[in-house]
Each structure stands twice: as C-alpha cells, then as structure tokens.
Amino acid sequence: RVSTQFIAALGDPAASSGGGADQWGIWRIDPGPRGVRLCDFPKLQASGGLAPSRWRFDPSDWWLEEHGLIMEKPDFPLPPGRYLVTGGRE
C-alpha cells in the first residue's frame, strides 16, 4: 500500500478519467500542516523565507491553498503511473 499523496491538478471534479496529468504536480507529504497562513506572510518574509516546518518559500513559484495557506511548491511533473484521484471524496 502506498501512503496518501497529494496531487496538484486542475480539471473537471466529476471526471473519472482523462489526460493532462503530465502538467500535474505532487506533494508526497500533506502540505496543509506545513503551510503558512497568509496573515503570517510578514513573518515568513522576516525569516528569510524559511517556513516553521523548514521548507523554503520561493517568491517566484508558490502555492496558495483555498483556505489561505501558503504552501511549498509540489514536485513537477507527476511521475507516469495510475492514480486514484478522489478530490477528498471517498
């Protein structure tokens, strides 16, 4: 069994198959708990871009989660393979 990984993808949330995964990224560990609240951005800047969980903020390539968390960028591209994408659904 592979541990849960998190895919950065845009697409139809109702789709059950499709293409374009070569433009998707992957977080191998949950980026949410490692994120920095947008309101704490000044602290992130003051630390030289080093987040509390030790990832480095890249001002030219960063991700904002829908609940206002700045997250480290995922790895690109998503390796070829077969993935079950649930979008948080069971």
Protein backbone atom coordinates (compact mmCIF):
# COMPACT_ATOMS: atom_id res chain seq x y z
CA ARG A 1 0.00 0.00 0.00
CA VAL A 2 1.26 3.45 -0.94
CA SER A 3 0.76 6.21 1.60
CA THR A 4 -1.58 9.04 0.71
CA GLN A 5 -0.03 11.63 -1.54
CA PHE A 6 -1.48 14.93 -2.67
CA ILE A 7 -1.82 15.90 -6.32
CA ALA A 8 -1.83 19.47 -7.62
CA ALA A 9 -4.19 19.31 -10.58
CA LEU A 10 -6.80 21.33 -12.37
CA GLY A 11 -9.64 19.54 -14.04
CA ASP A 12 -13.26 18.56 -14.03
CA PRO A 13 -14.09 17.46 -10.46
CA ALA A 14 -16.62 14.95 -11.80
CA ALA A 15 -14.21 13.27 -14.22
CA SER A 16 -13.24 9.64 -13.67
CA SER A 17 -10.54 9.55 -16.35
CA GLY A 18 -8.74 11.92 -18.67
CA GLY A 19 -5.45 13.38 -19.76
CA GLY A 20 -3.15 16.26 -18.96
CA ALA A 21 -1.54 14.63 -15.94
CA ASP A 22 1.87 15.50 -17.40
CA GLN A 23 1.15 19.03 -16.17
CA TRP A 24 0.18 17.96 -12.64
CA GLY A 25 2.41 18.08 -9.58
CA ILE A 26 2.62 16.01 -6.43
CA TRP A 27 3.23 16.56 -2.75
CA ARG A 28 4.48 13.34 -1.22
CA ILE A 29 3.57 14.56 2.26
CA ASP A 30 0.49 16.59 3.21
CA PRO A 31 1.35 20.24 2.50
CA GLY A 32 -1.52 21.61 4.61
CA PRO A 33 0.02 21.22 8.08
CA ARG A 34 3.31 22.54 6.66
CA GLY A 35 1.61 25.64 5.25
CA VAL A 36 1.91 29.21 6.49
CA ARG A 37 -1.23 31.30 6.99
CA LEU A 38 -1.46 34.19 4.58
CA CYS A 39 -1.76 36.58 7.53
CA ASP A 40 1.68 35.31 8.68
CA PHE A 41 3.35 36.21 5.38
CA PRO A 42 5.28 39.10 7.01
CA LYS A 43 6.80 36.58 9.46
CA LEU A 44 7.73 34.30 6.56
CA GLN A 45 9.46 37.21 4.84
CA ALA A 46 11.22 38.22 8.06
CA SER A 47 12.60 34.69 8.43
CA GLY A 48 14.25 34.94 5.03
CA GLY A 49 11.58 32.69 3.54
CA LEU A 50 12.15 29.73 5.87
CA ALA A 51 8.80 28.30 6.97
CA PRO A 52 8.40 26.92 10.51
CA SER A 53 8.36 23.39 9.05
CA ARG A 54 11.73 24.11 7.36
CA TRP A 55 10.72 24.44 3.69
CA ARG A 56 11.98 27.45 1.76
CA PHE A 57 9.49 29.93 0.28
CA ASP A 58 10.18 30.67 -3.40
CA PRO A 59 8.71 34.11 -4.20
CA SER A 60 8.65 33.29 -7.92
CA ASP A 61 6.81 29.95 -7.57
CA TRP A 62 4.44 29.38 -4.67
CA TRP A 63 1.01 27.93 -3.97
CA LEU A 64 -1.96 29.37 -2.11
CA GLU A 65 -4.39 26.80 -0.74
CA GLU A 66 -8.11 27.59 -0.84
CA HIS A 67 -8.22 28.25 2.92
CA GLY A 68 -5.45 30.84 2.86
CA LEU A 69 -2.33 28.74 3.44
CA ILE A 70 0.87 29.43 1.57
CA MET A 71 2.31 26.05 0.70
CA GLU A 72 5.60 24.78 -0.63
CA LYS A 73 5.51 24.02 -4.31
CA PRO A 74 4.81 20.44 -5.36
CA ASP A 75 7.21 18.34 -7.41
CA PHE A 76 6.64 18.54 -11.17
CA PRO A 77 5.85 16.66 -13.28
CA LEU A 78 3.73 13.95 -11.73
CA PRO A 79 5.54 10.66 -12.47
CA PRO A 80 3.80 8.46 -15.05
CA GLY A 81 1.50 5.92 -13.47
CA ARG A 82 -2.01 5.18 -12.41
CA TYR A 83 -3.53 7.34 -9.70
CA LEU A 84 -6.80 7.34 -7.81
CA VAL A 85 -7.83 10.97 -7.57
CA THR A 86 -10.68 11.48 -5.13
CA GLY A 87 -10.65 15.22 -4.53
CA GLY A 88 -11.30 14.41 -0.89
CA ARG A 89 -14.27 12.22 -1.78
CA GLU A 90 -14.48 8.58 -0.79
